[in-house]
Amino acid sequence: MIEVEYAAPAVLSVVTLVAMLLAHRGLPTALVFAALVYLVTHTVAKRFLIH
């Protein structure tokens, strides 16, 4: 449980940083969306594996 509690804020921070970096570089919004979807899916998979 502790791992999941610590993982949530970390994942949100990473997603935010990635989105900001991609947007700053002027990449298409589609790439930013794809990156966010990948990170969220990866996080959900990790949470299921932890439980």
C-alpha atoms as a PDB file:
ATOM      1  CA  MET A   1       0.000   0.000   0.000  1.00  0.00           C
ATOM      2  CA  ILE A   2       2.825   2.393   0.869  1.00  0.00           C
ATOM      3  CA  GLU A   3       4.391   1.815  -2.548  1.00  0.00           C
ATOM      4  CA  VAL A   4       1.166   2.765  -4.320  1.00  0.00           C
ATOM      5  CA  GLU A   5       0.708   5.860  -2.154  1.00  0.00           C
ATOM      6  CA  TYR A   6       4.202   7.052  -3.029  1.00  0.00           C
ATOM      7  CA  ALA A   7       3.871   6.056  -6.685  1.00  0.00           C
ATOM      8  CA  ALA A   8       0.781   8.181  -7.381  1.00  0.00           C
ATOM      9  CA  PRO A   9       2.368  11.619  -6.743  1.00  0.00           C
ATOM     10  CA  ALA A  10       5.563  10.546  -8.499  1.00  0.00           C
ATOM     11  CA  VAL A  11       3.651   9.430 -11.600  1.00  0.00           C
ATOM     12  CA  LEU A  12       1.651  12.670 -11.675  1.00  0.00           C
ATOM     13  CA  SER A  13       4.895  14.638 -11.469  1.00  0.00           C
ATOM     14  CA  VAL A  14       6.484  12.625 -14.272  1.00  0.00           C
ATOM     15  CA  VAL A  15       3.401  12.974 -16.482  1.00  0.00           C
ATOM     16  CA  THR A  16       3.350  16.725 -15.886  1.00  0.00           C
ATOM     17  CA  LEU A  17       7.065  17.101 -16.629  1.00  0.00           C
ATOM     18  CA  VAL A  18       6.837  15.005 -19.792  1.00  0.00           C
ATOM     19  CA  ALA A  19       3.827  16.973 -21.018  1.00  0.00           C
ATOM     20  CA  MET A  20       5.595  20.271 -20.309  1.00  0.00           C
ATOM     21  CA  LEU A  21       8.799  19.179 -22.046  1.00  0.00           C
ATOM     22  CA  LEU A  22       6.960  17.900 -25.126  1.00  0.00           C
ATOM     23  CA  ALA A  23       4.822  21.036 -25.311  1.00  0.00           C
ATOM     24  CA  HIS A  24       7.898  23.241 -24.853  1.00  0.00           C
ATOM     25  CA  ARG A  25       9.608  21.552 -27.778  1.00  0.00           C
ATOM     26  CA  GLY A  26       6.575  22.276 -29.946  1.00  0.00           C
ATOM     27  CA  LEU A  27       5.737  18.664 -30.692  1.00  0.00           C
ATOM     28  CA  PRO A  28       2.183  17.871 -31.878  1.00  0.00           C
ATOM     29  CA  THR A  29      -0.469  17.470 -29.209  1.00  0.00           C
ATOM     30  CA  ALA A  30      -1.052  13.909 -30.440  1.00  0.00           C
ATOM     31  CA  LEU A  31       2.419  12.896 -29.262  1.00  0.00           C
ATOM     32  CA  VAL A  32       1.825  14.450 -25.852  1.00  0.00           C
ATOM     33  CA  PHE A  33      -1.516  12.642 -25.566  1.00  0.00           C
ATOM     34  CA  ALA A  34       0.083   9.344 -26.625  1.00  0.00           C
ATOM     35  CA  ALA A  35       2.817   9.762 -24.008  1.00  0.00           C
ATOM     36  CA  LEU A  36       0.263  10.497 -21.281  1.00  0.00           C
ATOM     37  CA  VAL A  37      -1.849   7.478 -22.258  1.00  0.00           C
ATOM     38  CA  TYR A  38       1.249   5.251 -22.228  1.00  0.00           C
ATOM     39  CA  LEU A  39       2.324   6.468 -18.779  1.00  0.00           C
ATOM     40  CA  VAL A  40      -1.173   6.094 -17.322  1.00  0.00           C
ATOM     41  CA  THR A  41      -1.546   2.585 -18.767  1.00  0.00           C
ATOM     42  CA  HIS A  42       1.890   1.631 -17.454  1.00  0.00           C
ATOM     43  CA  THR A  43       0.972   2.961 -13.994  1.00  0.00           C
ATOM     44  CA  VAL A  44      -2.326   1.065 -13.897  1.00  0.00           C
ATOM     45  CA  ALA A  45      -0.521  -2.128 -14.891  1.00  0.00           C
ATOM     46  CA  LYS A  46       2.027  -1.609 -12.108  1.00  0.00           C
ATOM     47  CA  ARG A  47      -0.724  -1.034  -9.550  1.00  0.00           C
ATOM     48  CA  PHE A  48      -2.429  -4.286 -10.522  1.00  0.00           C
ATOM     49  CA  LEU A  49       0.887  -6.122 -10.298  1.00  0.00           C
ATOM     50  CA  ILE A  50       1.567  -4.637  -6.842  1.00  0.00           C
ATOM     51  CA  HIS A  51      -1.828  -5.801  -5.595  1.00  0.00           C
END
